[in-house]
């Protein structure tokens, strides 16, 4: 499956969005429990990092336009070449507004590029455990009263052009976990739940790849080593801004392995909602531009199947979230 097909399939069912003026945002917050705007004024965008196939090590920043990528670094030659640096400078709104208003943006066919992880180099990758009702049910567990937070190292992040690489001599119990991930757009500290959506740049698809033996038994019950092996956090294919996603807590989410559906649910199954988690996190730590939060996985993971199922070299994972896209991930031997 190529990138152009994935993007066409994703864009084809995006619905026209309503006004993003403050009054309508307030109405949305009252009626739906969310706001349709993101950090800054960036709107209706699917932001990507990519490289050209003839120069795969040079990362560039752009956004999707049907079967094309608008190359922001060609349009603005002195622009930083990573999304994180643009966010740190607070220039994303200005850059994207300038390019969207251009009568001739610099476009490249998706067939000429490799989509990379849409954000890299972040300070933190945070995750929520047991945050879907159906995932709790498959384990016969009561949903936790407070969010269970753990972390992965930022170095585990990979993109659509990269493979998850299994250390098969170290673990043979590596599992899939499709997740909605949010991306922080500006510095956030002591944020109240009512204002939490103001700090979100957008949303992407993630896989919280997990070595269950190391997560559960081989590290004293502490998750870190089972969650942070190299390549264990695929994300992509883009960061969809908040108005593209609409309500992040009412999205279809699913995962298949080699074409066989394993997880299918909706984000309304979230136990702890996004605003409440952001309030809790920012009460004890500062979130920085580019930090990502994986919001939990639905039921259907391999560990709790009968018999259990685990990933192996040669497998292909398709992770899909409504209004964002499809993340395709190959599994290879390390």
C-alpha atoms as a PDB file:
ATOM      1  CA  UNK A   1       0.000   0.000   0.000  1.00  0.00           C
ATOM      2  CA  UNK A   2       1.587   3.341  -0.990  1.00  0.00           C
ATOM      3  CA  UNK A   3       1.350   6.737   0.710  1.00  0.00           C
ATOM      4  CA  UNK A   4      -0.797   8.255  -2.033  1.00  0.00           C
ATOM      5  CA  UNK A   5      -3.494   5.584  -1.595  1.00  0.00           C
ATOM      6  CA  UNK A   6      -3.485   6.032   2.184  1.00  0.00           C
ATOM      7  CA  UNK A   7      -3.901   9.790   1.925  1.00  0.00           C
ATOM      8  CA  UNK A   8      -6.671   9.557  -0.755  1.00  0.00           C
ATOM      9  CA  UNK A   9      -8.609   7.112   1.407  1.00  0.00           C
ATOM     10  CA  UNK A  10      -8.233   9.326   4.467  1.00  0.00           C
ATOM     11  CA  UNK A  11      -9.162  12.620   2.820  1.00  0.00           C
ATOM     12  CA  UNK A  12     -12.151  11.240   0.939  1.00  0.00           C
ATOM     13  CA  UNK A  13     -14.364  11.036   4.034  1.00  0.00           C
ATOM     14  CA  UNK A  14     -13.385  14.291   5.758  1.00  0.00           C
ATOM     15  CA  UNK A  15     -16.502  16.390   6.338  1.00  0.00           C
ATOM     16  CA  UNK A  16     -16.540  20.195   5.894  1.00  0.00           C
ATOM     17  CA  UNK A  17     -15.853  21.849   9.246  1.00  0.00           C
ATOM     18  CA  UNK A  18     -17.801  24.570  10.970  1.00  0.00           C
ATOM     19  CA  UNK A  19     -16.510  28.035  11.930  1.00  0.00           C
ATOM     20  CA  UNK A  20     -13.635  28.223  14.350  1.00  0.00           C
ATOM     21  CA  UNK A  21     -14.624  31.572  15.876  1.00  0.00           C
ATOM     22  CA  UNK A  22     -14.582  31.822  19.623  1.00  0.00           C
ATOM     23  CA  UNK A  23     -18.364  31.863  19.997  1.00  0.00           C
ATOM     24  CA  UNK A  24     -18.761  28.616  18.070  1.00  0.00           C
ATOM     25  CA  UNK A  25     -15.918  27.053  20.017  1.00  0.00           C
ATOM     26  CA  UNK A  26     -17.697  27.911  23.228  1.00  0.00           C
ATOM     27  CA  UNK A  27     -20.899  26.317  21.898  1.00  0.00           C
ATOM     28  CA  UNK A  28     -18.958  23.206  20.896  1.00  0.00           C
ATOM     29  CA  UNK A  29     -17.394  23.013  24.338  1.00  0.00           C
ATOM     30  CA  UNK A  30     -20.847  23.135  25.909  1.00  0.00           C
ATOM     31  CA  UNK A  31     -22.620  20.736  23.575  1.00  0.00           C
ATOM     32  CA  UNK A  32     -19.876  18.242  22.746  1.00  0.00           C
ATOM     33  CA  UNK A  33     -17.399  18.597  25.592  1.00  0.00           C
ATOM     34  CA  UNK A  34     -14.522  19.641  23.303  1.00  0.00           C
ATOM     35  CA  UNK A  35     -13.229  22.563  21.297  1.00  0.00           C
ATOM     36  CA  UNK A  36     -12.502  22.511  17.592  1.00  0.00           C
ATOM     37  CA  UNK A  37      -9.398  24.675  17.679  1.00  0.00           C
ATOM     38  CA  UNK A  38      -5.769  23.793  18.377  1.00  0.00           C
ATOM     39  CA  UNK A  39      -2.694  25.596  19.675  1.00  0.00           C
ATOM     40  CA  UNK A  40      -2.447  28.823  17.703  1.00  0.00           C
ATOM     41  CA  UNK A  41      -4.603  29.430  14.645  1.00  0.00           C
ATOM     42  CA  UNK A  42      -3.454  26.579  12.379  1.00  0.00           C
ATOM     43  CA  UNK A  43      -6.556  25.136  10.709  1.00  0.00           C
ATOM     44  CA  UNK A  44      -7.612  22.306   8.428  1.00  0.00           C
ATOM     45  CA  UNK A  45      -4.144  20.884   7.952  1.00  0.00           C
ATOM     46  CA  UNK A  46      -2.467  17.503   7.807  1.00  0.00           C
ATOM     47  CA  UNK A  47       1.122  18.311   8.699  1.00  0.00           C
ATOM     48  CA  UNK A  48       3.954  15.940   7.762  1.00  0.00           C
ATOM     49  CA  UNK A  49       7.695  15.490   7.895  1.00  0.00           C
ATOM     50  CA  UNK A  50       9.159  13.835   4.830  1.00  0.00           C
ATOM     51  CA  UNK A  51      12.244  13.285   2.736  1.00  0.00           C
ATOM     52  CA  UNK A  52      12.785  12.958  -0.986  1.00  0.00           C
ATOM     53  CA  UNK A  53      13.508   9.426  -2.150  1.00  0.00           C
ATOM     54  CA  UNK A  54      16.754  10.557  -3.760  1.00  0.00           C
ATOM     55  CA  UNK A  55      17.880  12.135  -0.441  1.00  0.00           C
ATOM     56  CA  UNK A  56      16.282  10.038   2.328  1.00  0.00           C
ATOM     57  CA  UNK A  57      18.334  11.481   5.206  1.00  0.00           C
ATOM     58  CA  UNK A  58      17.240  15.099   4.738  1.00  0.00           C
ATOM     59  CA  UNK A  59      14.076  15.784   6.744  1.00  0.00           C
ATOM     60  CA  UNK A  60      11.694  18.489   5.540  1.00  0.00           C
ATOM     61  CA  UNK A  61       8.360  19.881   6.748  1.00  0.00           C
ATOM     62  CA  UNK A  62       5.158  20.148   4.723  1.00  0.00           C
ATOM     63  CA  UNK A  63       1.462  19.491   4.622  1.00  0.00           C
ATOM     64  CA  UNK A  64      -0.750  17.237   2.538  1.00  0.00           C
ATOM     65  CA  UNK A  65      -2.717  18.549  -0.429  1.00  0.00           C
ATOM     66  CA  UNK A  66      -4.619  15.606  -1.939  1.00  0.00           C
ATOM     67  CA  UNK A  67      -1.954  13.424  -3.623  1.00  0.00           C
ATOM     68  CA  UNK A  68       0.779  15.988  -3.040  1.00  0.00           C
ATOM     69  CA  UNK A  69       2.984  17.366  -0.302  1.00  0.00           C
ATOM     70  CA  UNK A  70       3.465  21.127  -0.076  1.00  0.00           C
ATOM     71  CA  UNK A  71       7.176  21.561   0.672  1.00  0.00           C
ATOM     72  CA  UNK A  72       7.414  24.368   3.237  1.00  0.00           C
ATOM     73  CA  UNK A  73      11.204  24.385   3.130  1.00  0.00           C
ATOM     74  CA  UNK A  74      11.199  25.113  -0.597  1.00  0.00           C
ATOM     75  CA  UNK A  75       8.608  27.826  -0.127  1.00  0.00           C
ATOM     76  CA  UNK A  76      10.580  29.432   2.735  1.00  0.00           C
ATOM     77  CA  UNK A  77      14.288  28.550   2.340  1.00  0.00           C
ATOM     78  CA  UNK A  78      15.397  29.819   5.781  1.00  0.00           C
ATOM     79  CA  UNK A  79      12.681  27.833   7.603  1.00  0.00           C
ATOM     80  CA  UNK A  80      13.886  25.195  10.124  1.00  0.00           C
ATOM     81  CA  UNK A  81      13.760  21.716   8.617  1.00  0.00           C
ATOM     82  CA  UNK A  82      11.980  20.022  11.522  1.00  0.00           C
ATOM     83  CA  UNK A  83       8.495  20.626  12.855  1.00  0.00           C
ATOM     84  CA  UNK A  84       9.795  20.732  16.427  1.00  0.00           C
ATOM     85  CA  UNK A  85      12.098  23.680  15.708  1.00  0.00           C
ATOM     86  CA  UNK A  86       9.266  25.548  13.979  1.00  0.00           C
ATOM     87  CA  UNK A  87       7.035  24.972  17.019  1.00  0.00           C
ATOM     88  CA  UNK A  88       9.752  26.136  19.395  1.00  0.00           C
ATOM     89  CA  UNK A  89      10.109  29.375  17.442  1.00  0.00           C
ATOM     90  CA  UNK A  90       6.335  29.868  17.511  1.00  0.00           C
ATOM     91  CA  UNK A  91       6.272  30.325  13.731  1.00  0.00           C
ATOM     92  CA  UNK A  92       3.953  27.555  12.551  1.00  0.00           C
ATOM     93  CA  UNK A  93       0.833  29.727  12.247  1.00  0.00           C
ATOM     94  CA  UNK A  94       2.666  32.346  10.184  1.00  0.00           C
ATOM     95  CA  UNK A  95       4.358  29.782   7.934  1.00  0.00           C
ATOM     96  CA  UNK A  96       1.234  27.777   7.146  1.00  0.00           C
ATOM     97  CA  UNK A  97      -0.962  30.842   6.688  1.00  0.00           C
ATOM     98  CA  UNK A  98       1.552  32.273   4.236  1.00  0.00           C
ATOM     99  CA  UNK A  99       1.717  29.068   2.206  1.00  0.00           C
ATOM    100  CA  UNK A 100      -2.063  28.510   2.190  1.00  0.00           C
ATOM    101  CA  UNK A 101      -2.539  32.043   0.828  1.00  0.00           C
ATOM    102  CA  UNK A 102       0.033  31.503  -1.908  1.00  0.00           C
ATOM    103  CA  UNK A 103      -1.361  31.153  -5.425  1.00  0.00           C
ATOM    104  CA  UNK A 104       1.364  28.659  -6.338  1.00  0.00           C
ATOM    105  CA  UNK A 105       2.538  26.578  -3.354  1.00  0.00           C
ATOM    106  CA  UNK A 106       5.515  24.305  -3.995  1.00  0.00           C
ATOM    107  CA  UNK A 107       3.955  20.856  -4.384  1.00  0.00           C
ATOM    108  CA  UNK A 108       5.580  17.452  -4.783  1.00  0.00           C
ATOM    109  CA  UNK A 109       3.745  14.221  -5.652  1.00  0.00           C
ATOM    110  CA  UNK A 110       3.546  11.809  -2.748  1.00  0.00           C
ATOM    111  CA  UNK A 111       5.118   9.212  -5.013  1.00  0.00           C
ATOM    112  CA  UNK A 112       8.373  11.230  -4.889  1.00  0.00           C
ATOM    113  CA  UNK A 113       8.704  11.334  -1.119  1.00  0.00           C
ATOM    114  CA  UNK A 114       8.997   9.169   1.975  1.00  0.00           C
ATOM    115  CA  UNK A 115       6.727  10.128   4.855  1.00  0.00           C
ATOM    116  CA  UNK A 116       8.621  10.250   8.139  1.00  0.00           C
ATOM    117  CA  UNK A 117       7.369  10.495  11.716  1.00  0.00           C
ATOM    118  CA  UNK A 118       5.429  13.789  11.699  1.00  0.00           C
ATOM    119  CA  UNK A 119       7.194  14.981  14.875  1.00  0.00           C
ATOM    120  CA  UNK A 120      10.550  13.873  16.314  1.00  0.00           C
ATOM    121  CA  UNK A 121      13.006  15.012  18.964  1.00  0.00           C
ATOM    122  CA  UNK A 122      10.295  15.763  21.514  1.00  0.00           C
ATOM    123  CA  UNK A 123      11.051  16.042  25.209  1.00  0.00           C
ATOM    124  CA  UNK A 124       8.483  13.464  26.307  1.00  0.00           C
ATOM    125  CA  UNK A 125       6.408  10.538  25.078  1.00  0.00           C
ATOM    126  CA  UNK A 126       3.690   9.831  27.661  1.00  0.00           C
ATOM    127  CA  UNK A 127       1.102   7.049  27.629  1.00  0.00           C
ATOM    128  CA  UNK A 128      -2.070   6.093  29.491  1.00  0.00           C
ATOM    129  CA  UNK A 129      -2.626   2.492  30.523  1.00  0.00           C
ATOM    130  CA  UNK A 130      -6.011   0.783  30.851  1.00  0.00           C
ATOM    131  CA  UNK A 131      -7.817   3.748  29.335  1.00  0.00           C
ATOM    132  CA  UNK A 132     -10.435   1.973  27.181  1.00  0.00           C
ATOM    133  CA  UNK A 133     -13.431   0.308  28.760  1.00  0.00           C
ATOM    134  CA  UNK A 134     -13.238  -2.644  26.355  1.00  0.00           C
ATOM    135  CA  UNK A 135      -9.505  -3.131  27.071  1.00  0.00           C
ATOM    136  CA  UNK A 136     -10.286  -3.310  30.780  1.00  0.00           C
ATOM    137  CA  UNK A 137     -13.112  -5.760  30.090  1.00  0.00           C
ATOM    138  CA  UNK A 138     -10.890  -8.163  28.137  1.00  0.00           C
ATOM    139  CA  UNK A 139      -8.624  -8.326  31.215  1.00  0.00           C
ATOM    140  CA  UNK A 140     -11.557  -8.558  33.639  1.00  0.00           C
ATOM    141  CA  UNK A 141     -10.300  -5.417  35.386  1.00  0.00           C
ATOM    142  CA  UNK A 142     -12.163  -2.479  36.878  1.00  0.00           C
ATOM    143  CA  UNK A 143     -11.194   0.736  35.066  1.00  0.00           C
ATOM    144  CA  UNK A 144      -8.702   2.707  37.184  1.00  0.00           C
ATOM    145  CA  UNK A 145     -10.072   5.632  39.172  1.00  0.00           C
ATOM    146  CA  UNK A 146      -7.194   7.869  38.083  1.00  0.00           C
ATOM    147  CA  UNK A 147      -5.173   7.743  34.829  1.00  0.00           C
ATOM    148  CA  UNK A 148      -2.283   5.278  34.903  1.00  0.00           C
ATOM    149  CA  UNK A 149       0.589   7.178  33.286  1.00  0.00           C
ATOM    150  CA  UNK A 150       3.831   5.690  31.986  1.00  0.00           C
ATOM    151  CA  UNK A 151       6.435   6.751  29.445  1.00  0.00           C
ATOM    152  CA  UNK A 152       8.400   5.629  26.432  1.00  0.00           C
ATOM    153  CA  UNK A 153      11.702   7.171  25.413  1.00  0.00           C
ATOM    154  CA  UNK A 154      11.499   9.720  22.591  1.00  0.00           C
ATOM    155  CA  UNK A 155      14.160   7.695  20.746  1.00  0.00           C
ATOM    156  CA  UNK A 156      11.580   4.934  20.149  1.00  0.00           C
ATOM    157  CA  UNK A 157       9.585   7.132  17.719  1.00  0.00           C
ATOM    158  CA  UNK A 158       9.606   6.038  14.061  1.00  0.00           C
ATOM    159  CA  UNK A 159       7.454   6.908  11.048  1.00  0.00           C
ATOM    160  CA  UNK A 160       5.591   5.315   8.131  1.00  0.00           C
ATOM    161  CA  UNK A 161       8.799   4.651   6.166  1.00  0.00           C
ATOM    162  CA  UNK A 162      10.432   2.811   9.079  1.00  0.00           C
ATOM    163  CA  UNK A 163      10.096  -0.730  10.403  1.00  0.00           C
ATOM    164  CA  UNK A 164       9.607  -2.010  13.929  1.00  0.00           C
ATOM    165  CA  UNK A 165      12.677  -4.169  14.518  1.00  0.00           C
ATOM    166  CA  UNK A 166      12.296  -7.068  16.894  1.00  0.00           C
ATOM    167  CA  UNK A 167      15.155  -8.336  19.050  1.00  0.00           C
ATOM    168  CA  UNK A 168      13.982 -11.919  18.681  1.00  0.00           C
ATOM    169  CA  UNK A 169      16.813 -13.218  20.891  1.00  0.00           C
ATOM    170  CA  UNK A 170      15.556 -10.993  23.730  1.00  0.00           C
ATOM    171  CA  UNK A 171      11.756 -11.221  23.476  1.00  0.00           C
ATOM    172  CA  UNK A 172       9.171 -13.334  21.671  1.00  0.00           C
ATOM    173  CA  UNK A 173       6.109 -11.668  23.175  1.00  0.00           C
ATOM    174  CA  UNK A 174       5.825  -8.359  21.292  1.00  0.00           C
ATOM    175  CA  UNK A 175       2.284  -6.998  21.049  1.00  0.00           C
ATOM    176  CA  UNK A 176       0.369  -4.351  19.089  1.00  0.00           C
ATOM    177  CA  UNK A 177      -1.616  -1.440  20.600  1.00  0.00           C
ATOM    178  CA  UNK A 178      -3.229   1.073  18.238  1.00  0.00           C
ATOM    179  CA  UNK A 179      -3.687   4.463  19.920  1.00  0.00           C
ATOM    180  CA  UNK A 180      -4.858   8.003  19.297  1.00  0.00           C
ATOM    181  CA  UNK A 181      -1.940  10.315  20.083  1.00  0.00           C
ATOM    182  CA  UNK A 182      -2.154  14.041  20.653  1.00  0.00           C
ATOM    183  CA  UNK A 183       0.674  16.489  19.983  1.00  0.00           C
ATOM    184  CA  UNK A 184       1.285  19.449  22.279  1.00  0.00           C
ATOM    185  CA  UNK A 185       1.617  22.720  20.365  1.00  0.00           C
ATOM    186  CA  UNK A 186       2.804  25.136  23.048  1.00  0.00           C
ATOM    187  CA  UNK A 187       4.232  25.105  26.563  1.00  0.00           C
ATOM    188  CA  UNK A 188       1.644  23.847  29.054  1.00  0.00           C
ATOM    189  CA  UNK A 189       1.823  24.093  32.823  1.00  0.00           C
ATOM    190  CA  UNK A 190      -0.986  24.138  35.412  1.00  0.00           C
ATOM    191  CA  UNK A 191      -3.616  23.882  32.658  1.00  0.00           C
ATOM    192  CA  UNK A 192      -7.250  23.492  33.660  1.00  0.00           C
ATOM    193  CA  UNK A 193      -9.320  20.875  31.847  1.00  0.00           C
ATOM    194  CA  UNK A 194     -11.605  23.585  30.435  1.00  0.00           C
ATOM    195  CA  UNK A 195      -8.626  25.076  28.560  1.00  0.00           C
ATOM    196  CA  UNK A 196      -6.759  21.874  27.682  1.00  0.00           C
ATOM    197  CA  UNK A 197      -7.648  21.773  23.974  1.00  0.00           C
ATOM    198  CA  UNK A 198      -6.027  25.200  23.519  1.00  0.00           C
ATOM    199  CA  UNK A 199      -2.629  23.505  23.947  1.00  0.00           C
ATOM    200  CA  UNK A 200      -3.071  20.703  21.399  1.00  0.00           C
ATOM    201  CA  UNK A 201      -1.570  21.167  17.946  1.00  0.00           C
ATOM    202  CA  UNK A 202      -3.316  18.095  16.552  1.00  0.00           C
ATOM    203  CA  UNK A 203      -3.599  14.313  16.506  1.00  0.00           C
ATOM    204  CA  UNK A 204      -1.822  11.365  14.946  1.00  0.00           C
ATOM    205  CA  UNK A 205      -2.036   7.562  14.851  1.00  0.00           C
ATOM    206  CA  UNK A 206       0.348   5.649  17.104  1.00  0.00           C
ATOM    207  CA  UNK A 207       1.320   2.119  18.015  1.00  0.00           C
ATOM    208  CA  UNK A 208       2.419   1.477  21.582  1.00  0.00           C
ATOM    209  CA  UNK A 209       4.459  -1.607  20.685  1.00  0.00           C
ATOM    210  CA  UNK A 210       5.025  -3.630  23.857  1.00  0.00           C
ATOM    211  CA  UNK A 211       7.287  -6.537  24.824  1.00  0.00           C
ATOM    212  CA  UNK A 212       4.873  -8.154  27.258  1.00  0.00           C
ATOM    213  CA  UNK A 213       7.442 -10.383  28.997  1.00  0.00           C
ATOM    214  CA  UNK A 214       9.595  -7.349  29.862  1.00  0.00           C
ATOM    215  CA  UNK A 215       6.570  -5.211  30.694  1.00  0.00           C
ATOM    216  CA  UNK A 216       4.988  -7.732  33.034  1.00  0.00           C
ATOM    217  CA  UNK A 217       7.693  -9.967  34.506  1.00  0.00           C
ATOM    218  CA  UNK A 218      11.279  -9.169  33.525  1.00  0.00           C
ATOM    219  CA  UNK A 219      11.663  -5.680  34.972  1.00  0.00           C
ATOM    220  CA  UNK A 220      10.122  -5.938  38.422  1.00  0.00           C
ATOM    221  CA  UNK A 221       6.681  -4.965  37.148  1.00  0.00           C
ATOM    222  CA  UNK A 222       7.927  -1.603  35.827  1.00  0.00           C
ATOM    223  CA  UNK A 223       6.817  -0.906  32.230  1.00  0.00           C
ATOM    224  CA  UNK A 224       9.772   1.088  30.876  1.00  0.00           C
ATOM    225  CA  UNK A 225      11.974  -1.583  29.283  1.00  0.00           C
ATOM    226  CA  UNK A 226       9.029  -3.437  27.768  1.00  0.00           C
ATOM    227  CA  UNK A 227       7.759  -0.215  26.204  1.00  0.00           C
ATOM    228  CA  UNK A 228      11.030   1.457  25.168  1.00  0.00           C
ATOM    229  CA  UNK A 229      12.902  -0.991  22.997  1.00  0.00           C
ATOM    230  CA  UNK A 230      14.221   0.567  19.796  1.00  0.00           C
ATOM    231  CA  UNK A 231      11.492   1.420  17.210  1.00  0.00           C
ATOM    232  CA  UNK A 232       8.635   0.679  19.651  1.00  0.00           C
ATOM    233  CA  UNK A 233       6.626   3.869  18.936  1.00  0.00           C
ATOM    234  CA  UNK A 234       5.510   4.187  15.281  1.00  0.00           C
ATOM    235  CA  UNK A 235       3.469   7.353  14.628  1.00  0.00           C
ATOM    236  CA  UNK A 236       1.955   8.971  11.517  1.00  0.00           C
ATOM    237  CA  UNK A 237       1.204   9.405   8.724  1.00  0.00           C
ATOM    238  CA  UNK A 238       0.466  13.052   9.628  1.00  0.00           C
ATOM    239  CA  UNK A 239      -0.597  15.376  12.406  1.00  0.00           C
ATOM    240  CA  UNK A 240      -4.207  16.319  11.705  1.00  0.00           C
ATOM    241  CA  UNK A 241      -5.132  19.660  13.242  1.00  0.00           C
ATOM    242  CA  UNK A 242      -8.004  19.732  15.695  1.00  0.00           C
ATOM    243  CA  UNK A 243     -10.602  21.005  13.223  1.00  0.00           C
ATOM    244  CA  UNK A 244      -9.698  18.224  10.786  1.00  0.00           C
ATOM    245  CA  UNK A 245     -10.318  15.644  13.510  1.00  0.00           C
ATOM    246  CA  UNK A 246     -13.469  17.303  14.891  1.00  0.00           C
ATOM    247  CA  UNK A 247     -14.188  15.567  18.221  1.00  0.00           C
ATOM    248  CA  UNK A 248     -11.173  13.379  19.152  1.00  0.00           C
ATOM    249  CA  UNK A 249     -13.333  11.487  21.626  1.00  0.00           C
ATOM    250  CA  UNK A 250     -15.774  10.243  18.953  1.00  0.00           C
ATOM    251  CA  UNK A 251     -13.546   8.556  16.370  1.00  0.00           C
ATOM    252  CA  UNK A 252     -13.451   5.040  14.933  1.00  0.00           C
ATOM    253  CA  UNK A 253     -10.149   3.291  15.681  1.00  0.00           C
ATOM    254  CA  UNK A 254      -8.918  -0.062  14.411  1.00  0.00           C
ATOM    255  CA  UNK A 255      -5.877  -2.230  13.865  1.00  0.00           C
ATOM    256  CA  UNK A 256      -5.240  -5.206  11.588  1.00  0.00           C
ATOM    257  CA  UNK A 257      -2.307  -7.599  11.308  1.00  0.00           C
ATOM    258  CA  UNK A 258      -1.641  -8.980   7.823  1.00  0.00           C
ATOM    259  CA  UNK A 259      -5.135  -7.903   6.781  1.00  0.00           C
ATOM    260  CA  UNK A 260      -6.932  -9.526   9.743  1.00  0.00           C
ATOM    261  CA  UNK A 261      -8.787  -7.121  12.041  1.00  0.00           C
ATOM    262  CA  UNK A 262      -7.594  -7.413  15.651  1.00  0.00           C
ATOM    263  CA  UNK A 263      -8.846  -4.209  17.289  1.00  0.00           C
ATOM    264  CA  UNK A 264     -11.932  -2.186  16.424  1.00  0.00           C
ATOM    265  CA  UNK A 265     -13.501   0.365  18.736  1.00  0.00           C
ATOM    266  CA  UNK A 266     -14.277   4.049  19.162  1.00  0.00           C
ATOM    267  CA  UNK A 267     -12.551   6.719  21.198  1.00  0.00           C
ATOM    268  CA  UNK A 268     -15.757   7.315  23.163  1.00  0.00           C
ATOM    269  CA  UNK A 269     -14.601   4.225  25.090  1.00  0.00           C
ATOM    270  CA  UNK A 270     -11.884   6.344  26.756  1.00  0.00           C
ATOM    271  CA  UNK A 271     -12.103   6.022  30.536  1.00  0.00           C
ATOM    272  CA  UNK A 272     -10.235   9.247  31.310  1.00  0.00           C
ATOM    273  CA  UNK A 273     -10.939  12.027  28.825  1.00  0.00           C
ATOM    274  CA  UNK A 274      -8.215  14.092  27.205  1.00  0.00           C
ATOM    275  CA  UNK A 275      -8.825  17.403  29.074  1.00  0.00           C
ATOM    276  CA  UNK A 276      -8.749  15.708  32.472  1.00  0.00           C
ATOM    277  CA  UNK A 277      -5.493  13.901  31.667  1.00  0.00           C
ATOM    278  CA  UNK A 278      -3.825  17.123  30.506  1.00  0.00           C
ATOM    279  CA  UNK A 279      -4.916  18.885  33.696  1.00  0.00           C
ATOM    280  CA  UNK A 280      -3.491  16.050  35.801  1.00  0.00           C
ATOM    281  CA  UNK A 281      -0.189  15.887  33.903  1.00  0.00           C
ATOM    282  CA  UNK A 282       0.414  19.631  33.873  1.00  0.00           C
ATOM    283  CA  UNK A 283      -0.244  19.840  37.599  1.00  0.00           C
ATOM    284  CA  UNK A 284       3.034  17.959  38.170  1.00  0.00           C
ATOM    285  CA  UNK A 285       5.127  18.620  35.038  1.00  0.00           C
ATOM    286  CA  UNK A 286       5.475  21.028  32.154  1.00  0.00           C
ATOM    287  CA  UNK A 287       4.554  19.784  28.681  1.00  0.00           C
ATOM    288  CA  UNK A 288       6.609  21.275  25.880  1.00  0.00           C
ATOM    289  CA  UNK A 289       5.919  21.822  22.160  1.00  0.00           C
ATOM    290  CA  UNK A 290       6.191  18.490  20.366  1.00  0.00           C
ATOM    291  CA  UNK A 291       5.492  16.297  23.400  1.00  0.00           C
ATOM    292  CA  UNK A 292       3.071  13.499  22.551  1.00  0.00           C
ATOM    293  CA  UNK A 293       0.492  11.676  24.647  1.00  0.00           C
ATOM    294  CA  UNK A 294      -0.746   8.229  23.629  1.00  0.00           C
ATOM    295  CA  UNK A 295      -4.265   8.048  25.003  1.00  0.00           C
ATOM    296  CA  UNK A 296      -4.661   4.277  25.441  1.00  0.00           C
ATOM    297  CA  UNK A 297      -5.531   1.218  23.396  1.00  0.00           C
ATOM    298  CA  UNK A 298      -8.867  -0.581  22.896  1.00  0.00           C
ATOM    299  CA  UNK A 299      -9.550  -4.260  23.408  1.00  0.00           C
ATOM    300  CA  UNK A 300      -8.137  -6.853  21.024  1.00  0.00           C
ATOM    301  CA  UNK A 301      -4.438  -6.877  21.857  1.00  0.00           C
ATOM    302  CA  UNK A 302      -2.529 -10.105  21.295  1.00  0.00           C
ATOM    303  CA  UNK A 303      -1.709 -10.920  24.903  1.00  0.00           C
ATOM    304  CA  UNK A 304      -5.341 -11.443  25.893  1.00  0.00           C
ATOM    305  CA  UNK A 305      -6.381 -13.529  22.908  1.00  0.00           C
ATOM    306  CA  UNK A 306      -6.923 -17.264  23.278  1.00  0.00           C
ATOM    307  CA  UNK A 307      -4.333 -18.466  22.544  1.00  0.00           C
ATOM    308  CA  UNK A 308      -2.132 -15.339  22.834  1.00  0.00           C
ATOM    309  CA  UNK A 309      -0.780 -13.898  19.579  1.00  0.00           C
ATOM    310  CA  UNK A 310       2.406 -11.903  19.107  1.00  0.00           C
ATOM    311  CA  UNK A 311       4.166 -10.048  16.314  1.00  0.00           C
ATOM    312  CA  UNK A 312       6.873 -11.691  14.234  1.00  0.00           C
ATOM    313  CA  UNK A 313       9.206 -10.558  11.436  1.00  0.00           C
ATOM    314  CA  UNK A 314       7.311 -10.276   8.158  1.00  0.00           C
ATOM    315  CA  UNK A 315       4.077  -9.041   9.731  1.00  0.00           C
ATOM    316  CA  UNK A 316       2.441  -5.795   8.573  1.00  0.00           C
ATOM    317  CA  UNK A 317       0.337  -3.673  10.939  1.00  0.00           C
ATOM    318  CA  UNK A 318      -2.372  -1.334   9.618  1.00  0.00           C
ATOM    319  CA  UNK A 319      -3.450   1.188  12.248  1.00  0.00           C
ATOM    320  CA  UNK A 320      -6.324   3.488  11.288  1.00  0.00           C
ATOM    321  CA  UNK A 321      -8.146   6.328  13.023  1.00  0.00           C
ATOM    322  CA  UNK A 322     -11.083   8.146  11.481  1.00  0.00           C
ATOM    323  CA  UNK A 323     -10.289  11.616  10.074  1.00  0.00           C
ATOM    324  CA  UNK A 324      -6.537  11.164  10.575  1.00  0.00           C
ATOM    325  CA  UNK A 325      -5.316   8.341   8.371  1.00  0.00           C
ATOM    326  CA  UNK A 326      -3.701   4.934   8.126  1.00  0.00           C
ATOM    327  CA  UNK A 327      -0.285   4.102   9.559  1.00  0.00           C
ATOM    328  CA  UNK A 328       1.309   1.094   7.899  1.00  0.00           C
ATOM    329  CA  UNK A 329       4.153  -0.543   9.864  1.00  0.00           C
ATOM    330  CA  UNK A 330       6.416  -3.392   8.770  1.00  0.00           C
ATOM    331  CA  UNK A 331       7.912  -5.825  11.290  1.00  0.00           C
ATOM    332  CA  UNK A 332      11.509  -6.876  10.737  1.00  0.00           C
ATOM    333  CA  UNK A 333      14.203  -8.681  12.715  1.00  0.00           C
ATOM    334  CA  UNK A 334      16.619  -6.363  14.509  1.00  0.00           C
END
